[in-house]
Amino acid sequence: MSLTSILAADAIENAIKDCQAPDSFNSKKFFQLSGLTKKSPQEVKDVFCILDNDGSGFIEEEELKFFLQRFSPGARLLTDKETKSFLSDADDDSDGKIGAEEFQAMVLS
């Protein structure tokens, strides 16, 4: 399964363009622009599984750096500041990683 089987390619492109500058990534805005906030809970979980690069059931800080590249291979890496902010926004149980439920809650809230 690919992200474009869930999200429109042009919506992904618009979301990536919006945060091209370093330290301009805003997860809530990205989720809205990409169309993810309009998807069903199952579709959001499907996206989570694609983003969970190592299949651990969690998105760790190292995987978050490559978040934008999972949507578009030519996209930039997230900065350390963006990565830490994203992690703290989503990591409700403070275990240092984002689980599927945490990701779903963040996207759909």
PDB file of N, CA and C in Angstrom:
ATOM      1  N   MET A   1       0.849  -1.189   0.000  1.00  0.00           N
ATOM      2  CA  MET A   1       0.000   0.000   0.000  1.00  0.00           C
ATOM      3  C   MET A   1       0.890   1.246   0.000  1.00  0.00           C
ATOM      4  N   SER A   2       0.468   2.241  -0.748  1.00  0.00           N
ATOM      5  CA  SER A   2       1.224   3.495  -0.792  1.00  0.00           C
ATOM      6  C   SER A   2       0.364   4.634  -0.248  1.00  0.00           C
ATOM      7  N   LEU A   3       1.013   5.720   0.104  1.00  0.00           N
ATOM      8  CA  LEU A   3       0.278   6.872   0.620  1.00  0.00           C
ATOM      9  C   LEU A   3      -0.690   7.435  -0.418  1.00  0.00           C
ATOM     10  N   THR A   4      -0.311   7.353  -1.700  1.00  0.00           N
ATOM     11  CA  THR A   4      -1.198   7.895  -2.737  1.00  0.00           C
ATOM     12  C   THR A   4      -2.415   7.005  -2.988  1.00  0.00           C
ATOM     13  N   SER A   5      -2.456   5.825  -2.374  1.00  0.00           N
ATOM     14  CA  SER A   5      -3.680   5.029  -2.451  1.00  0.00           C
ATOM     15  C   SER A   5      -4.682   5.496  -1.400  1.00  0.00           C
ATOM     16  N   ILE A   6      -4.219   6.336  -0.466  1.00  0.00           N
ATOM     17  CA  ILE A   6      -5.081   6.877   0.595  1.00  0.00           C
ATOM     18  C   ILE A   6      -5.284   8.379   0.421  1.00  0.00           C
ATOM     19  N   LEU A   7      -4.216   9.077   0.063  1.00  0.00           N
ATOM     20  CA  LEU A   7      -4.240  10.542  -0.074  1.00  0.00           C
ATOM     21  C   LEU A   7      -4.003  10.936  -1.526  1.00  0.00           C
ATOM     22  N   ALA A   8      -4.618  12.029  -1.949  1.00  0.00           N
ATOM     23  CA  ALA A   8      -4.428  12.524  -3.318  1.00  0.00           C
ATOM     24  C   ALA A   8      -3.003  13.056  -3.487  1.00  0.00           C
ATOM     25  N   ALA A   9      -2.382  12.715  -4.607  1.00  0.00           N
ATOM     26  CA  ALA A   9      -1.008  13.138  -4.878  1.00  0.00           C
ATOM     27  C   ALA A   9      -0.865  14.659  -4.857  1.00  0.00           C
ATOM     28  N   ASP A  10      -1.855  15.376  -5.392  1.00  0.00           N
ATOM     29  CA  ASP A  10      -1.755  16.844  -5.404  1.00  0.00           C
ATOM     30  C   ASP A  10      -1.879  17.417  -3.998  1.00  0.00           C
ATOM     31  N   ALA A  11      -2.661  16.779  -3.129  1.00  0.00           N
ATOM     32  CA  ALA A  11      -2.786  17.241  -1.738  1.00  0.00           C
ATOM     33  C   ALA A  11      -1.464  17.022  -1.002  1.00  0.00           C
ATOM     34  N   ILE A  12      -0.828  15.883  -1.240  1.00  0.00           N
ATOM     35  CA  ILE A  12       0.480  15.622  -0.631  1.00  0.00           C
ATOM     36  C   ILE A  12       1.490  16.668  -1.106  1.00  0.00           C
ATOM     37  N   GLU A  13       1.482  16.945  -2.405  1.00  0.00           N
ATOM     38  CA  GLU A  13       2.406  17.936  -2.967  1.00  0.00           C
ATOM     39  C   GLU A  13       2.196  19.309  -2.330  1.00  0.00           C
ATOM     40  N   ASN A  14       0.945  19.729  -2.167  1.00  0.00           N
ATOM     41  CA  ASN A  14       0.645  21.016  -1.539  1.00  0.00           C
ATOM     42  C   ASN A  14       1.134  21.058  -0.091  1.00  0.00           C
ATOM     43  N   ALA A  15       0.948  19.967   0.632  1.00  0.00           N
ATOM     44  CA  ALA A  15       1.375  19.916   2.027  1.00  0.00           C
ATOM     45  C   ALA A  15       2.896  19.995   2.131  1.00  0.00           C
ATOM     46  N   ILE A  16       3.587  19.311   1.231  1.00  0.00           N
ATOM     47  CA  ILE A  16       5.060  19.347   1.215  1.00  0.00           C
ATOM     48  C   ILE A  16       5.559  20.752   0.871  1.00  0.00           C
ATOM     49  N   LYS A  17       4.942  21.375  -0.129  1.00  0.00           N
ATOM     50  CA  LYS A  17       5.353  22.731  -0.542  1.00  0.00           C
ATOM     51  C   LYS A  17       5.192  23.729   0.596  1.00  0.00           C
ATOM     52  N   ASP A  18       4.153  23.541   1.414  1.00  0.00           N
ATOM     53  CA  ASP A  18       3.864  24.481   2.499  1.00  0.00           C
ATOM     54  C   ASP A  18       4.968  24.508   3.558  1.00  0.00           C
ATOM     55  N   CYS A  19       5.738  23.437   3.660  1.00  0.00           N
ATOM     56  CA  CYS A  19       6.752  23.389   4.725  1.00  0.00           C
ATOM     57  C   CYS A  19       8.155  23.128   4.176  1.00  0.00           C
ATOM     58  N   GLN A  20       8.450  23.725   3.027  1.00  0.00           N
ATOM     59  CA  GLN A  20       9.772  23.549   2.413  1.00  0.00           C
ATOM     60  C   GLN A  20      10.896  24.205   3.217  1.00  0.00           C
ATOM     61  N   ALA A  21      10.610  25.331   3.823  1.00  0.00           N
ATOM     62  CA  ALA A  21      11.651  26.038   4.581  1.00  0.00           C
ATOM     63  C   ALA A  21      11.928  25.316   5.901  1.00  0.00           C
ATOM     64  N   PRO A  22      13.197  25.231   6.296  1.00  0.00           N
ATOM     65  CA  PRO A  22      13.516  24.613   7.587  1.00  0.00           C
ATOM     66  C   PRO A  22      12.743  25.279   8.725  1.00  0.00           C
ATOM     67  N   ASP A  23      12.317  24.480   9.665  1.00  0.00           N
ATOM     68  CA  ASP A  23      11.566  24.918  10.848  1.00  0.00           C
ATOM     69  C   ASP A  23      10.194  25.518  10.518  1.00  0.00           C
ATOM     70  N   SER A  24       9.637  25.169   9.350  1.00  0.00           N
ATOM     71  CA  SER A  24       8.289  25.654   8.993  1.00  0.00           C
ATOM     72  C   SER A  24       7.235  24.547   9.085  1.00  0.00           C
ATOM     73  N   PHE A  25       7.649  23.331   9.472  1.00  0.00           N
ATOM     74  CA  PHE A  25       6.712  22.208   9.547  1.00  0.00           C
ATOM     75  C   PHE A  25       5.779  22.358  10.737  1.00  0.00           C
ATOM     76  N   ASN A  26       4.482  22.232  10.462  1.00  0.00           N
ATOM     77  CA  ASN A  26       3.454  22.237  11.500  1.00  0.00           C
ATOM     78  C   ASN A  26       2.602  20.993  11.233  1.00  0.00           C
ATOM     79  N   SER A  27       2.640  20.047  12.146  1.00  0.00           N
ATOM     80  CA  SER A  27       1.960  18.766  11.904  1.00  0.00           C
ATOM     81  C   SER A  27       0.470  18.930  11.650  1.00  0.00           C
ATOM     82  N   LYS A  28      -0.208  19.755  12.447  1.00  0.00           N
ATOM     83  CA  LYS A  28      -1.656  19.947  12.264  1.00  0.00           C
ATOM     84  C   LYS A  28      -1.969  20.491  10.868  1.00  0.00           C
ATOM     85  N   LYS A  29      -1.212  21.498  10.441  1.00  0.00           N
ATOM     86  CA  LYS A  29      -1.431  22.086   9.118  1.00  0.00           C
ATOM     87  C   LYS A  29      -1.104  21.071   8.029  1.00  0.00           C
ATOM     88  N   PHE A  30      -0.034  20.306   8.225  1.00  0.00           N
ATOM     89  CA  PHE A  30       0.351  19.292   7.250  1.00  0.00           C
ATOM     90  C   PHE A  30      -0.759  18.248   7.093  1.00  0.00           C
ATOM     91  N   PHE A  31      -1.297  17.795   8.216  1.00  0.00           N
ATOM     92  CA  PHE A  31      -2.368  16.791   8.164  1.00  0.00           C
ATOM     93  C   PHE A  31      -3.600  17.341   7.448  1.00  0.00           C
ATOM     94  N   GLN A  32      -3.904  18.616   7.667  1.00  0.00           N
ATOM     95  CA  GLN A  32      -5.060  19.231   6.997  1.00  0.00           C
ATOM     96  C   GLN A  32      -4.804  19.365   5.500  1.00  0.00           C
ATOM     97  N   LEU A  33      -3.660  19.932   5.127  1.00  0.00           N
ATOM     98  CA  LEU A  33      -3.349  20.154   3.713  1.00  0.00           C
ATOM     99  C   LEU A  33      -3.248  18.848   2.923  1.00  0.00           C
ATOM    100  N   SER A  34      -2.750  17.797   3.561  1.00  0.00           N
ATOM    101  CA  SER A  34      -2.595  16.515   2.872  1.00  0.00           C
ATOM    102  C   SER A  34      -3.916  15.762   2.753  1.00  0.00           C
ATOM    103  N   GLY A  35      -4.933  16.232   3.489  1.00  0.00           N
ATOM    104  CA  GLY A  35      -6.236  15.565   3.456  1.00  0.00           C
ATOM    105  C   GLY A  35      -6.377  14.465   4.490  1.00  0.00           C
ATOM    106  N   LEU A  36      -5.358  14.243   5.294  1.00  0.00           N
ATOM    107  CA  LEU A  36      -5.391  13.153   6.271  1.00  0.00           C
ATOM    108  C   LEU A  36      -6.469  13.352   7.338  1.00  0.00           C
ATOM    109  N   THR A  37      -6.741  14.600   7.699  1.00  0.00           N
ATOM    110  CA  THR A  37      -7.737  14.855   8.743  1.00  0.00           C
ATOM    111  C   THR A  37      -9.155  14.490   8.294  1.00  0.00           C
ATOM    112  N   LYS A  38      -9.351  14.315   6.999  1.00  0.00           N
ATOM    113  CA  LYS A  38     -10.677  13.963   6.477  1.00  0.00           C
ATOM    114  C   LYS A  38     -10.844  12.460   6.266  1.00  0.00           C
ATOM    115  N   LYS A  39      -9.828  11.689   6.638  1.00  0.00           N
ATOM    116  CA  LYS A  39      -9.848  10.248   6.417  1.00  0.00           C
ATOM    117  C   LYS A  39     -10.448   9.520   7.626  1.00  0.00           C
ATOM    118  N   SER A  40     -10.856   8.282   7.396  1.00  0.00           N
ATOM    119  CA  SER A  40     -11.426   7.461   8.466  1.00  0.00           C
ATOM    120  C   SER A  40     -10.328   7.037   9.444  1.00  0.00           C
ATOM    121  N   PRO A  41     -10.722   6.667  10.654  1.00  0.00           N
ATOM    122  CA  PRO A  41      -9.717   6.180  11.607  1.00  0.00           C
ATOM    123  C   PRO A  41      -8.883   5.026  11.038  1.00  0.00           C
ATOM    124  N   GLN A  42      -9.496   4.132  10.275  1.00  0.00           N
ATOM    125  CA  GLN A  42      -8.742   3.018   9.690  1.00  0.00           C
ATOM    126  C   GLN A  42      -7.737   3.515   8.654  1.00  0.00           C
ATOM    127  N   GLU A  43      -8.129   4.495   7.845  1.00  0.00           N
ATOM    128  CA  GLU A  43      -7.200   5.040   6.850  1.00  0.00           C
ATOM    129  C   GLU A  43      -6.023   5.735   7.530  1.00  0.00           C
ATOM    130  N   VAL A  44      -6.290   6.416   8.648  1.00  0.00           N
ATOM    131  CA  VAL A  44      -5.216   7.065   9.400  1.00  0.00           C
ATOM    132  C   VAL A  44      -4.257   6.001   9.942  1.00  0.00           C
ATOM    133  N   LYS A  45      -4.810   4.888  10.430  1.00  0.00           N
ATOM    134  CA  LYS A  45      -3.957   3.785  10.906  1.00  0.00           C
ATOM    135  C   LYS A  45      -3.146   3.190   9.764  1.00  0.00           C
ATOM    136  N   ASP A  46      -3.745   3.096   8.584  1.00  0.00           N
ATOM    137  CA  ASP A  46      -3.021   2.590   7.413  1.00  0.00           C
ATOM    138  C   ASP A  46      -1.839   3.499   7.081  1.00  0.00           C
ATOM    139  N   VAL A  47      -2.056   4.814   7.169  1.00  0.00           N
ATOM    140  CA  VAL A  47      -0.966   5.777   6.930  1.00  0.00           C
ATOM    141  C   VAL A  47       0.117   5.590   7.992  1.00  0.00           C
ATOM    142  N   PHE A  48      -0.297   5.404   9.241  1.00  0.00           N
ATOM    143  CA  PHE A  48       0.665   5.173  10.318  1.00  0.00           C
ATOM    144  C   PHE A  48       1.552   3.973   9.990  1.00  0.00           C
ATOM    145  N   CYS A  49       0.948   2.891   9.526  1.00  0.00           N
ATOM    146  CA  CYS A  49       1.711   1.674   9.206  1.00  0.00           C
ATOM    147  C   CYS A  49       2.739   1.925   8.105  1.00  0.00           C
ATOM    148  N   ILE A  50       2.393   2.783   7.147  1.00  0.00           N
ATOM    149  CA  ILE A  50       3.334   3.141   6.080  1.00  0.00           C
ATOM    150  C   ILE A  50       4.481   3.979   6.656  1.00  0.00           C
ATOM    151  N   LEU A  51       4.163   4.875   7.578  1.00  0.00           N
ATOM    152  CA  LEU A  51       5.175   5.755   8.170  1.00  0.00           C
ATOM    153  C   LEU A  51       6.083   5.020   9.151  1.00  0.00           C
ATOM    154  N   ASP A  52       5.585   3.931   9.733  1.00  0.00           N
ATOM    155  CA  ASP A  52       6.365   3.115  10.663  1.00  0.00           C
ATOM    156  C   ASP A  52       7.344   2.276   9.851  1.00  0.00           C
ATOM    157  N   ASN A  53       8.429   2.910   9.472  1.00  0.00           N
ATOM    158  CA  ASN A  53       9.390   2.345   8.521  1.00  0.00           C
ATOM    159  C   ASN A  53       9.946   0.985   8.934  1.00  0.00           C
ATOM    160  N   ASP A  54      10.212   0.802  10.224  1.00  0.00           N
ATOM    161  CA  ASP A  54      10.822  -0.454  10.673  1.00  0.00           C
ATOM    162  C   ASP A  54       9.803  -1.485  11.150  1.00  0.00           C
ATOM    163  N   GLY A  55       8.515  -1.149  11.084  1.00  0.00           N
ATOM    164  CA  GLY A  55       7.464  -2.091  11.457  1.00  0.00           C
ATOM    165  C   GLY A  55       7.404  -2.410  12.936  1.00  0.00           C
ATOM    166  N   SER A  56       7.921  -1.520  13.774  1.00  0.00           N
ATOM    167  CA  SER A  56       7.969  -1.758  15.219  1.00  0.00           C
ATOM    168  C   SER A  56       6.633  -1.512  15.917  1.00  0.00           C
ATOM    169  N   GLY A  57       5.700  -0.872  15.212  1.00  0.00           N
ATOM    170  CA  GLY A  57       4.436  -0.497  15.849  1.00  0.00           C
ATOM    171  C   GLY A  57       4.494   0.899  16.449  1.00  0.00           C
ATOM    172  N   PHE A  58       5.631   1.546  16.272  1.00  0.00           N
ATOM    173  CA  PHE A  58       5.829   2.904  16.775  1.00  0.00           C
ATOM    174  C   PHE A  58       6.604   3.712  15.740  1.00  0.00           C
ATOM    175  N   ILE A  59       6.417   5.029  15.797  1.00  0.00           N
ATOM    176  CA  ILE A  59       7.254   5.930  15.010  1.00  0.00           C
ATOM    177  C   ILE A  59       8.192   6.594  16.018  1.00  0.00           C
ATOM    178  N   GLU A  60       9.473   6.245  15.916  1.00  0.00           N
ATOM    179  CA  GLU A  60      10.479   6.780  16.816  1.00  0.00           C
ATOM    180  C   GLU A  60      11.046   8.079  16.252  1.00  0.00           C
ATOM    181  N   GLU A  61      11.792   8.778  17.104  1.00  0.00           N
ATOM    182  CA  GLU A  61      12.361  10.076  16.718  1.00  0.00           C
ATOM    183  C   GLU A  61      13.189   9.978  15.443  1.00  0.00           C
ATOM    184  N   GLU A  62      13.972   8.913  15.288  1.00  0.00           N
ATOM    185  CA  GLU A  62      14.806   8.743  14.097  1.00  0.00           C
ATOM    186  C   GLU A  62      13.941   8.647  12.834  1.00  0.00           C
ATOM    187  N   GLU A  63      12.800   7.958  12.928  1.00  0.00           N
ATOM    188  CA  GLU A  63      11.890   7.841  11.781  1.00  0.00           C
ATOM    189  C   GLU A  63      11.214   9.177  11.473  1.00  0.00           C
ATOM    190  N   LEU A  64      10.967   9.975  12.510  1.00  0.00           N
ATOM    191  CA  LEU A  64      10.309  11.267  12.308  1.00  0.00           C
ATOM    192  C   LEU A  64      11.137  12.210  11.442  1.00  0.00           C
ATOM    193  N   LYS A  65      12.443  12.110  11.517  1.00  0.00           N
ATOM    194  CA  LYS A  65      13.300  12.967  10.693  1.00  0.00           C
ATOM    195  C   LYS A  65      12.949  12.821   9.212  1.00  0.00           C
ATOM    196  N   PHE A  66      12.572  11.603   8.829  1.00  0.00           N
ATOM    197  CA  PHE A  66      12.288  11.280   7.423  1.00  0.00           C
ATOM    198  C   PHE A  66      10.792  11.353   7.097  1.00  0.00           C
ATOM    199  N   PHE A  67      10.003  11.933   8.011  1.00  0.00           N
ATOM    200  CA  PHE A  67       8.547  11.989   7.866  1.00  0.00           C
ATOM    201  C   PHE A  67       8.110  12.524   6.508  1.00  0.00           C
ATOM    202  N   LEU A  68       8.629  13.690   6.099  1.00  0.00           N
ATOM    203  CA  LEU A  68       8.215  14.300   4.828  1.00  0.00           C
ATOM    204  C   LEU A  68       8.644  13.444   3.642  1.00  0.00           C
ATOM    205  N   GLN A  69       9.791  12.794   3.753  1.00  0.00           N
ATOM    206  CA  GLN A  69      10.274  11.953   2.658  1.00  0.00           C
ATOM    207  C   GLN A  69       9.418  10.714   2.455  1.00  0.00           C
ATOM    208  N   ARG A  70       8.708  10.302   3.479  1.00  0.00           N
ATOM    209  CA  ARG A  70       7.791   9.162   3.328  1.00  0.00           C
ATOM    210  C   ARG A  70       6.601   9.569   2.440  1.00  0.00           C
ATOM    211  N   PHE A  71       6.277  10.850   2.447  1.00  0.00           N
ATOM    212  CA  PHE A  71       5.196  11.367   1.602  1.00  0.00           C
ATOM    213  C   PHE A  71       5.693  11.694   0.203  1.00  0.00           C
ATOM    214  N   SER A  72       6.927  12.204   0.114  1.00  0.00           N
ATOM    215  CA  SER A  72       7.510  12.590  -1.167  1.00  0.00           C
ATOM    216  C   SER A  72       9.023  12.403  -1.083  1.00  0.00           C
ATOM    217  N   PRO A  73       9.588  11.466  -1.858  1.00  0.00           N
ATOM    218  CA  PRO A  73      11.014  11.132  -1.747  1.00  0.00           C
ATOM    219  C   PRO A  73      11.972  12.323  -1.841  1.00  0.00           C
ATOM    220  N   GLY A  74      11.628  13.364  -2.571  1.00  0.00           N
ATOM    221  CA  GLY A  74      12.517  14.513  -2.714  1.00  0.00           C
ATOM    222  C   GLY A  74      12.384  15.552  -1.622  1.00  0.00           C
ATOM    223  N   ALA A  75      11.498  15.322  -0.668  1.00  0.00           N
ATOM    224  CA  ALA A  75      11.259  16.309   0.391  1.00  0.00           C
ATOM    225  C   ALA A  75      12.444  16.389   1.347  1.00  0.00           C
ATOM    226  N   ARG A  76      12.494  17.468   2.099  1.00  0.00           N
ATOM    227  CA  ARG A  76      13.595  17.686   3.039  1.00  0.00           C
ATOM    228  C   ARG A  76      13.404  16.839   4.306  1.00  0.00           C
ATOM    229  N   LEU A  77      14.468  16.745   5.075  1.00  0.00           N
ATOM    230  CA  LEU A  77      14.394  16.118   6.393  1.00  0.00           C
ATOM    231  C   LEU A  77      13.812  17.128   7.376  1.00  0.00           C
ATOM    232  N   LEU A  78      13.143  16.638   8.389  1.00  0.00           N
ATOM    233  CA  LEU A  78      12.706  17.538   9.459  1.00  0.00           C
ATOM    234  C   LEU A  78      13.930  17.920  10.288  1.00  0.00           C
ATOM    235  N   THR A  79      13.953  19.141  10.788  1.00  0.00           N
ATOM    236  CA  THR A  79      15.045  19.582  11.651  1.00  0.00           C
ATOM    237  C   THR A  79      14.886  18.912  13.022  1.00  0.00           C
ATOM    238  N   ASP A  80      15.949  18.958  13.820  1.00  0.00           N
ATOM    239  CA  ASP A  80      15.874  18.395  15.176  1.00  0.00           C
ATOM    240  C   ASP A  80      14.776  19.075  15.984  1.00  0.00           C
ATOM    241  N   LYS A  81      14.660  20.382  15.821  1.00  0.00           N
ATOM    242  CA  LYS A  81      13.632  21.141  16.543  1.00  0.00           C
ATOM    243  C   LYS A  81      12.230  20.668  16.132  1.00  0.00           C
ATOM    244  N   GLU A  82      12.005  20.503  14.835  1.00  0.00           N
ATOM    245  CA  GLU A  82      10.703  20.045  14.339  1.00  0.00           C
ATOM    246  C   GLU A  82      10.402  18.624  14.815  1.00  0.00           C
ATOM    247  N   THR A  83      11.423  17.781  14.776  1.00  0.00           N
ATOM    248  CA  THR A  83      11.259  16.387  15.193  1.00  0.00           C
ATOM    249  C   THR A  83      10.862  16.307  16.661  1.00  0.00           C
ATOM    250  N   LYS A  84      11.570  17.048  17.501  1.00  0.00           N
ATOM    251  CA  LYS A  84      11.278  17.033  18.935  1.00  0.00           C
ATOM    252  C   LYS A  84       9.893  17.616  19.225  1.00  0.00           C
ATOM    253  N   SER A  85       9.524  18.669  18.517  1.00  0.00           N
ATOM    254  CA  SER A  85       8.207  19.279  18.698  1.00  0.00           C
ATOM    255  C   SER A  85       7.093  18.313  18.276  1.00  0.00           C
ATOM    256  N   PHE A  86       7.264  17.669  17.128  1.00  0.00           N
ATOM    257  CA  PHE A  86       6.304  16.701  16.616  1.00  0.00           C
ATOM    258  C   PHE A  86       6.138  15.564  17.626  1.00  0.00           C
ATOM    259  N   LEU A  87       7.247  15.051  18.114  1.00  0.00           N
ATOM    260  CA  LEU A  87       7.220  13.957  19.072  1.00  0.00           C
ATOM    261  C   LEU A  87       6.496  14.364  20.354  1.00  0.00           C
ATOM    262  N   SER A  88       6.819  15.533  20.881  1.00  0.00           N
ATOM    263  CA  SER A  88       6.185  15.960  22.135  1.00  0.00           C
ATOM    264  C   SER A  88       4.692  16.236  21.950  1.00  0.00           C
ATOM    265  N   ASP A  89       4.289  16.695  20.765  1.00  0.00           N
ATOM    266  CA  ASP A  89       2.871  16.949  20.489  1.00  0.00           C
ATOM    267  C   ASP A  89       2.050  15.658  20.445  1.00  0.00           C
ATOM    268  N   ALA A  90       2.665  14.577  19.985  1.00  0.00           N
ATOM    269  CA  ALA A  90       1.919  13.334  19.773  1.00  0.00           C
ATOM    270  C   ALA A  90       2.125  12.289  20.863  1.00  0.00           C
ATOM    271  N   ASP A  91       3.231  12.342  21.566  1.00  0.00           N
ATOM    272  CA  ASP A  91       3.602  11.303  22.532  1.00  0.00           C
ATOM    273  C   ASP A  91       2.880  11.508  23.863  1.00  0.00           C
ATOM    274  N   ASP A  92       1.647  11.034  23.929  1.00  0.00           N
ATOM    275  CA  ASP A  92       0.813  11.253  25.120  1.00  0.00           C
ATOM    276  C   ASP A  92       1.311  10.526  26.367  1.00  0.00           C
ATOM    277  N   ASP A  93       1.943   9.369  26.194  1.00  0.00           N
ATOM    278  CA  ASP A  93       2.388   8.601  27.368  1.00  0.00           C
ATOM    279  C   ASP A  93       3.872   8.807  27.693  1.00  0.00           C
ATOM    280  N   SER A  94       4.510   9.747  27.008  1.00  0.00           N
ATOM    281  CA  SER A  94       5.902  10.136  27.276  1.00  0.00           C
ATOM    282  C   SER A  94       6.890   8.972  27.234  1.00  0.00           C
ATOM    283  N   ASP A  95       6.672   8.035  26.297  1.00  0.00           N
ATOM    284  CA  ASP A  95       7.606   6.911  26.168  1.00  0.00           C
ATOM    285  C   ASP A  95       8.659   7.154  25.085  1.00  0.00           C
ATOM    286  N   GLY A  96       8.637   8.350  24.484  1.00  0.00           N
ATOM    287  CA  GLY A  96       9.648   8.708  23.499  1.00  0.00           C
ATOM    288  C   GLY A  96       9.362   8.218  22.095  1.00  0.00           C
ATOM    289  N   LYS A  97       8.149   7.750  21.863  1.00  0.00           N
ATOM    290  CA  LYS A  97       7.764   7.286  20.534  1.00  0.00           C
ATOM    291  C   LYS A  97       6.261   7.465  20.352  1.00  0.00           C
ATOM    292  N   ILE A  98       5.831   7.421  19.090  1.00  0.00           N
ATOM    293  CA  ILE A  98       4.426   7.640  18.770  1.00  0.00           C
ATOM    294  C   ILE A  98       3.801   6.305  18.361  1.00  0.00           C
ATOM    295  N   GLY A  99       2.785   5.890  19.106  1.00  0.00           N
ATOM    296  CA  GLY A  99       2.049   4.676  18.772  1.00  0.00           C
ATOM    297  C   GLY A  99       0.921   4.990  17.805  1.00  0.00           C
ATOM    298  N   ALA A 100       0.297   3.952  17.273  1.00  0.00           N
ATOM    299  CA  ALA A 100      -0.778   4.127  16.295  1.00  0.00           C
ATOM    300  C   ALA A 100      -1.932   4.932  16.873  1.00  0.00           C
ATOM    301  N   GLU A 101      -2.307   4.657  18.126  1.00  0.00           N
ATOM    302  CA  GLU A 101      -3.425   5.376  18.736  1.00  0.00           C
ATOM    303  C   GLU A 101      -3.081   6.839  18.965  1.00  0.00           C
ATOM    304  N   GLU A 102      -1.838   7.089  19.371  1.00  0.00           N
ATOM    305  CA  GLU A 102      -1.398   8.472  19.580  1.00  0.00           C
ATOM    306  C   GLU A 102      -1.414   9.238  18.257  1.00  0.00           C
ATOM    307  N   PHE A 103      -0.939   8.582  17.199  1.00  0.00           N
ATOM    308  CA  PHE A 103      -0.928   9.216  15.883  1.00  0.00           C
ATOM    309  C   PHE A 103      -2.350   9.515  15.424  1.00  0.00           C
ATOM    310  N   GLN A 104      -3.213   8.539  15.603  1.00  0.00           N
ATOM    311  CA  GLN A 104      -4.617   8.695  15.196  1.00  0.00           C
ATOM    312  C   GLN A 104      -5.272   9.842  15.974  1.00  0.00           C
ATOM    313  N   ALA A 105      -5.038   9.897  17.267  1.00  0.00           N
ATOM    314  CA  ALA A 105      -5.613  10.961  18.092  1.00  0.00           C
ATOM    315  C   ALA A 105      -5.100  12.333  17.655  1.00  0.00           C
ATOM    316  N   MET A 106      -3.812  12.424  17.339  1.00  0.00           N
ATOM    317  CA  MET A 106      -3.225  13.689  16.918  1.00  0.00           C
ATOM    318  C   MET A 106      -3.830  14.142  15.579  1.00  0.00           C
ATOM    319  N   VAL A 107      -3.942  13.226  14.637  1.00  0.00           N
ATOM    320  CA  VAL A 107      -4.460  13.570  13.298  1.00  0.00           C
ATOM    321  C   VAL A 107      -5.931  13.961  13.355  1.00  0.00           C
ATOM    322  N   LEU A 108      -6.713  13.211  14.089  1.00  0.00           N
ATOM    323  CA  LEU A 108      -8.169  13.392  14.067  1.00  0.00           C
ATOM    324  C   LEU A 108      -8.696  14.353  15.126  1.00  0.00           C
ATOM    325  N   SER A 109      -7.816  14.936  15.944  1.00  0.00           N
ATOM    326  CA  SER A 109      -8.287  15.867  16.978  1.00  0.00           C
ATOM    327  C   SER A 109      -8.507  17.260  16.426  1.00  0.00           C
TER     328      SER A 109
END
